[in-house]
Each structure stands twice: as C-alpha cells, then as structure tokens.
C-alpha cells in the first residue's frame, strides 16, 4: 500500500510538495531535493508528520 505524504523545506519550513511513499518503509523519512519557491533555490525537502 502507498500513503500520501507532505514534503516541507528543511530551511524555511514551507510545505510545497506532496508525494506518495510505501507504507512499509517507516524506518526513515523521505528526503528529496526540490525547488522551494519561498527560498527561490533548490533545497532538501523532508517528509512531515
């Protein structure tokens, strides 16, 4: 099964993206490098609760 997760910028904290991840892999949070429109640069976005 897949579940919907929200990605937030690690620097400013704005929640810009949503994605899907496997429900089984809960040992670590998803981290993707994406463009943040608030910071106006590519930053690491982490999965939020």
N, C-alpha and C. Protein backbone atom coordinates (compact mmCIF):
# COMPACT_ATOMS: atom_id res chain seq x y z
N UNK A 1 0.83 -1.19 0.00
CA UNK A 1 0.00 0.00 0.00
C UNK A 1 0.87 1.25 0.00
N UNK A 2 0.35 2.30 -0.59
CA UNK A 2 1.05 3.56 -0.63
C UNK A 2 0.25 4.58 0.16
N UNK A 3 0.95 5.52 0.77
CA UNK A 3 0.26 6.56 1.50
C UNK A 3 0.77 7.92 1.07
N UNK A 4 -0.07 8.93 1.20
CA UNK A 4 0.26 10.28 0.80
C UNK A 4 1.04 10.97 1.91
N UNK A 5 2.17 11.61 1.54
CA UNK A 5 3.00 12.33 2.50
C UNK A 5 3.19 13.77 2.00
N UNK A 6 3.44 14.68 2.94
CA UNK A 6 3.68 16.08 2.63
C UNK A 6 5.16 16.37 2.83
N UNK A 7 5.76 17.10 1.88
CA UNK A 7 7.17 17.44 1.95
C UNK A 7 7.33 18.92 2.32
N UNK A 8 8.18 19.20 3.29
CA UNK A 8 8.43 20.56 3.74
C UNK A 8 9.90 20.91 3.54
N UNK A 9 10.16 22.16 3.24
CA UNK A 9 11.53 22.64 3.05
C UNK A 9 12.27 22.57 4.38
N UNK A 10 13.52 22.11 4.34
CA UNK A 10 14.30 21.98 5.57
C UNK A 10 14.77 23.33 6.10
N UNK A 11 14.87 24.35 5.24
CA UNK A 11 15.34 25.66 5.68
C UNK A 11 14.21 26.55 6.19
N UNK A 12 13.20 26.80 5.35
CA UNK A 12 12.15 27.74 5.74
C UNK A 12 10.92 27.06 6.33
N UNK A 13 10.73 25.76 6.08
CA UNK A 13 9.62 25.02 6.66
C UNK A 13 8.32 25.08 5.88
N UNK A 14 8.31 25.72 4.72
CA UNK A 14 7.08 25.80 3.94
C UNK A 14 6.78 24.46 3.28
N UNK A 15 5.52 24.09 3.31
CA UNK A 15 5.10 22.79 2.77
C UNK A 15 4.69 22.98 1.31
N UNK A 16 5.60 22.62 0.41
CA UNK A 16 5.42 22.91 -1.01
C UNK A 16 4.92 21.72 -1.82
N UNK A 17 5.28 20.52 -1.47
CA UNK A 17 5.03 19.35 -2.31
C UNK A 17 4.33 18.24 -1.53
N UNK A 18 3.63 17.39 -2.28
CA UNK A 18 3.09 16.16 -1.71
C UNK A 18 3.53 15.01 -2.61
N UNK A 19 3.68 13.84 -2.01
CA UNK A 19 4.17 12.68 -2.73
C UNK A 19 3.56 11.43 -2.13
N UNK A 20 3.87 10.28 -2.69
CA UNK A 20 3.41 9.02 -2.16
C UNK A 20 4.62 8.17 -1.80
N UNK A 21 4.50 7.41 -0.70
CA UNK A 21 5.58 6.52 -0.30
C UNK A 21 4.98 5.21 0.16
N UNK A 22 5.83 4.19 0.22
CA UNK A 22 5.39 2.88 0.71
C UNK A 22 5.08 2.96 2.19
N UNK A 23 4.01 2.32 2.59
CA UNK A 23 3.62 2.33 3.99
C UNK A 23 4.55 1.45 4.82
N UNK A 24 5.18 0.46 4.21
CA UNK A 24 6.04 -0.48 4.93
C UNK A 24 7.35 0.16 5.39
N UNK A 25 7.90 1.09 4.61
CA UNK A 25 9.22 1.66 4.94
C UNK A 25 9.08 2.86 5.87
N UNK A 26 8.73 2.64 7.12
CA UNK A 26 8.58 3.73 8.09
C UNK A 26 9.83 3.91 8.94
N UNK A 27 10.92 3.22 8.63
CA UNK A 27 12.12 3.35 9.44
C UNK A 27 12.80 4.70 9.23
N UNK A 28 12.63 5.30 8.06
CA UNK A 28 13.26 6.59 7.79
C UNK A 28 12.31 7.47 6.99
N UNK A 29 12.48 8.76 7.13
CA UNK A 29 11.62 9.71 6.42
C UNK A 29 12.19 10.01 5.04
N UNK A 30 11.30 10.33 4.13
CA UNK A 30 11.65 10.61 2.75
C UNK A 30 12.33 11.97 2.66
N UNK A 31 13.45 12.06 1.92
CA UNK A 31 14.16 13.31 1.68
C UNK A 31 14.44 13.43 0.19
N UNK A 32 13.97 14.53 -0.41
CA UNK A 32 14.14 14.78 -1.84
C UNK A 32 14.61 16.22 -2.02
N UNK A 33 15.53 16.44 -2.95
CA UNK A 33 15.99 17.78 -3.26
C UNK A 33 15.06 18.37 -4.31
N UNK A 34 14.32 19.43 -3.94
CA UNK A 34 13.33 20.04 -4.81
C UNK A 34 13.51 21.57 -4.79
N UNK A 35 12.81 22.25 -5.71
CA UNK A 35 12.86 23.71 -5.76
C UNK A 35 11.88 24.29 -4.76
N UNK A 36 12.34 25.20 -3.93
CA UNK A 36 11.49 25.90 -2.97
C UNK A 36 11.22 27.30 -3.49
N UNK A 37 9.95 27.63 -3.70
CA UNK A 37 9.61 28.95 -4.25
C UNK A 37 9.80 30.06 -3.22
N UNK A 38 9.74 29.72 -1.93
CA UNK A 38 9.95 30.73 -0.89
C UNK A 38 11.43 31.09 -0.78
N UNK A 39 12.30 30.10 -0.78
CA UNK A 39 13.75 30.34 -0.73
C UNK A 39 14.31 30.72 -2.09
N UNK A 40 13.60 30.39 -3.14
CA UNK A 40 14.00 30.64 -4.52
C UNK A 40 15.30 29.91 -4.87
N UNK A 41 15.40 28.65 -4.40
CA UNK A 41 16.58 27.83 -4.66
C UNK A 41 16.21 26.37 -4.46
N UNK A 42 17.09 25.47 -4.91
CA UNK A 42 16.89 24.05 -4.69
C UNK A 42 17.36 23.70 -3.28
N UNK A 43 16.46 23.11 -2.49
CA UNK A 43 16.73 22.75 -1.11
C UNK A 43 16.23 21.33 -0.85
N UNK A 44 16.69 20.76 0.25
CA UNK A 44 16.23 19.43 0.65
C UNK A 44 14.85 19.55 1.29
N UNK A 45 13.91 18.76 0.82
CA UNK A 45 12.56 18.71 1.38
C UNK A 45 12.40 17.38 2.10
N UNK A 46 11.88 17.44 3.34
CA UNK A 46 11.72 16.24 4.17
C UNK A 46 10.25 15.95 4.41
N UNK A 47 9.96 14.68 4.63
CA UNK A 47 8.60 14.26 4.93
C UNK A 47 8.19 14.78 6.31
N UNK A 48 6.98 15.33 6.41
CA UNK A 48 6.46 15.81 7.68
C UNK A 48 5.47 14.82 8.25
N UNK A 49 5.09 15.03 9.49
CA UNK A 49 4.13 14.15 10.15
C UNK A 49 2.73 14.41 9.64
